[in-house]
């Protein structure tokens, strides 16, 4: 929920170690969050001073996400290219946890169709935020 995130960010910004500044990783992601953040900062005579946007080709993001598989019980993460389970031979049947032999699962957002939706939403949300701060 957007209000919960805003409250958490607001409370965190009130901590003494943020008084000289801070880095918000992945926030704001939407225009609503950006406007809310600006209101909070203005109320303390502060403002967003810098934006760092790391750009990665969508194809690389897709490869990173869609190759990720997880052992549901332990949370161990594997990747079909970068951190393969020991017996993986390129087939789904061999996507098994190294310790238990349990089948690995893929998060809904990491499946190809889910990732494509997630990436489209991200671009739809973040592009206006980047344009908003570029104008300031």
Protein backbone atom coordinates (compact mmCIF):
# COMPACT_ATOMS: atom_id res chain seq x y z
CA UNK A 1 0.00 0.00 0.00
CA UNK A 2 1.32 3.42 -0.98
CA UNK A 3 0.55 5.01 2.40
CA UNK A 4 2.49 2.36 4.26
CA UNK A 5 5.55 2.91 2.06
CA UNK A 6 5.26 6.68 2.47
CA UNK A 7 5.00 6.34 6.23
CA UNK A 8 8.03 4.05 6.41
CA UNK A 9 10.09 6.45 4.26
CA UNK A 10 8.95 9.46 6.28
CA UNK A 11 9.79 7.78 9.60
CA UNK A 12 13.18 6.69 8.30
CA UNK A 13 14.03 10.19 7.08
CA UNK A 14 13.43 11.45 10.61
CA UNK A 15 16.28 9.34 11.99
CA UNK A 16 19.41 11.27 13.01
CA UNK A 17 21.67 9.46 10.54
CA UNK A 18 19.60 10.93 7.67
CA UNK A 19 19.86 14.55 8.77
CA UNK A 20 22.89 15.20 6.55
CA UNK A 21 21.29 13.36 3.63
CA UNK A 22 20.58 9.84 2.48
CA UNK A 23 20.22 7.59 -0.53
CA UNK A 24 16.81 6.20 -1.40
CA UNK A 25 17.33 3.05 -3.45
CA UNK A 26 14.36 2.34 -5.70
CA UNK A 27 12.22 5.15 -4.30
CA UNK A 28 10.27 7.00 -5.53
CA UNK A 29 8.99 4.77 -8.31
CA UNK A 30 5.72 6.51 -9.08
CA UNK A 31 4.62 10.11 -9.48
CA UNK A 32 2.45 9.79 -6.36
CA UNK A 33 5.52 8.74 -4.38
CA UNK A 34 7.64 11.52 -5.92
CA UNK A 35 5.11 14.22 -5.03
CA UNK A 36 4.67 12.80 -1.54
CA UNK A 37 8.43 12.69 -1.02
CA UNK A 38 8.80 16.27 -2.21
CA UNK A 39 6.10 17.46 0.21
CA UNK A 40 7.81 15.72 3.10
CA UNK A 41 11.21 17.10 2.17
CA UNK A 42 9.89 20.64 1.62
CA UNK A 43 8.29 20.60 5.07
CA UNK A 44 11.84 20.19 6.40
CA UNK A 45 13.38 22.73 3.97
CA UNK A 46 14.96 19.88 2.02
CA UNK A 47 14.73 18.67 -1.56
CA UNK A 48 15.86 15.85 -3.79
CA UNK A 49 19.35 16.89 -4.82
CA UNK A 50 20.40 14.15 -7.20
CA UNK A 51 18.89 11.28 -9.14
CA UNK A 52 20.97 8.31 -10.22
CA UNK A 53 19.31 6.09 -12.78
CA UNK A 54 21.18 2.94 -13.74
CA UNK A 55 20.07 1.87 -17.20
CA UNK A 56 20.24 -1.76 -18.22
CA UNK A 57 18.92 -3.15 -21.50
CA UNK A 58 15.53 -4.79 -21.08
CA UNK A 59 16.87 -8.03 -22.56
CA UNK A 60 19.49 -8.30 -19.83
CA UNK A 61 16.90 -7.57 -17.15
CA UNK A 62 14.68 -10.24 -18.65
CA UNK A 63 17.52 -12.78 -18.68
CA UNK A 64 18.34 -11.98 -15.07
CA UNK A 65 14.75 -12.32 -13.88
CA UNK A 66 13.45 -15.19 -15.97
CA UNK A 67 16.46 -17.36 -15.18
CA UNK A 68 15.89 -17.04 -11.43
CA UNK A 69 14.48 -20.05 -9.59
CA UNK A 70 13.92 -20.44 -5.85
CA UNK A 71 13.72 -23.21 -3.29
CA UNK A 72 10.38 -22.30 -1.73
CA UNK A 73 11.05 -23.61 1.80
CA UNK A 74 14.50 -22.13 2.35
CA UNK A 75 14.54 -19.18 -0.04
CA UNK A 76 17.78 -20.37 -1.70
CA UNK A 77 18.07 -18.71 -5.10
CA UNK A 78 19.48 -20.28 -8.25
CA UNK A 79 19.85 -19.07 -11.81
CA UNK A 80 19.80 -21.11 -15.00
CA UNK A 81 22.84 -19.24 -16.30
CA UNK A 82 24.71 -17.68 -13.39
CA UNK A 83 24.17 -20.03 -10.41
CA UNK A 84 22.87 -23.35 -11.66
CA UNK A 85 21.77 -26.17 -9.38
CA UNK A 86 24.35 -28.97 -9.40
CA UNK A 87 22.42 -31.38 -11.62
CA UNK A 88 20.91 -28.84 -14.00
CA UNK A 89 21.16 -29.94 -17.63
CA UNK A 90 18.97 -27.28 -19.25
CA UNK A 91 15.67 -29.03 -18.59
CA UNK A 92 12.99 -28.01 -16.11
CA UNK A 93 13.05 -31.50 -14.55
CA UNK A 94 16.59 -30.90 -13.29
CA UNK A 95 15.80 -27.61 -11.54
CA UNK A 96 16.23 -29.12 -8.09
CA UNK A 97 17.54 -27.70 -4.82
CA UNK A 98 21.14 -28.76 -4.16
CA UNK A 99 20.49 -29.57 -0.50
CA UNK A 100 17.07 -31.21 -0.48
CA UNK A 101 16.43 -32.27 -4.08
CA UNK A 102 13.08 -30.45 -3.94
CA UNK A 103 11.84 -28.92 -7.20
CA UNK A 104 12.62 -25.24 -7.56
CA UNK A 105 9.86 -22.74 -8.26
CA UNK A 106 9.78 -19.57 -10.27
CA UNK A 107 8.12 -16.50 -8.81
CA UNK A 108 5.13 -15.30 -10.80
CA UNK A 109 6.86 -12.00 -11.59
CA UNK A 110 9.91 -13.86 -12.90
CA UNK A 111 8.03 -16.02 -15.40
CA UNK A 112 8.40 -14.58 -18.92
CA UNK A 113 4.82 -13.28 -19.18
CA UNK A 114 4.84 -11.96 -15.61
CA UNK A 115 8.18 -10.30 -16.08
CA UNK A 116 7.05 -8.59 -19.30
CA UNK A 117 4.04 -7.12 -17.46
CA UNK A 118 6.21 -6.09 -14.53
CA UNK A 119 8.76 -4.40 -16.81
CA UNK A 120 6.05 -2.52 -18.73
CA UNK A 121 4.56 -1.27 -15.46
CA UNK A 122 8.00 -0.21 -14.29
CA UNK A 123 8.66 1.82 -17.44
CA UNK A 124 5.17 3.34 -17.30
CA UNK A 125 5.75 4.37 -13.69
CA UNK A 126 9.41 5.41 -13.66
CA UNK A 127 9.65 7.42 -16.89
CA UNK A 128 7.37 10.22 -15.64
CA UNK A 129 9.31 10.30 -12.34
CA UNK A 130 12.62 10.71 -14.19
CA UNK A 131 11.14 13.44 -16.38
CA UNK A 132 9.68 15.19 -13.31
CA UNK A 133 13.04 15.36 -11.54
CA UNK A 134 14.88 16.28 -14.74
CA UNK A 135 12.73 19.42 -14.93
CA UNK A 136 13.68 20.51 -11.40
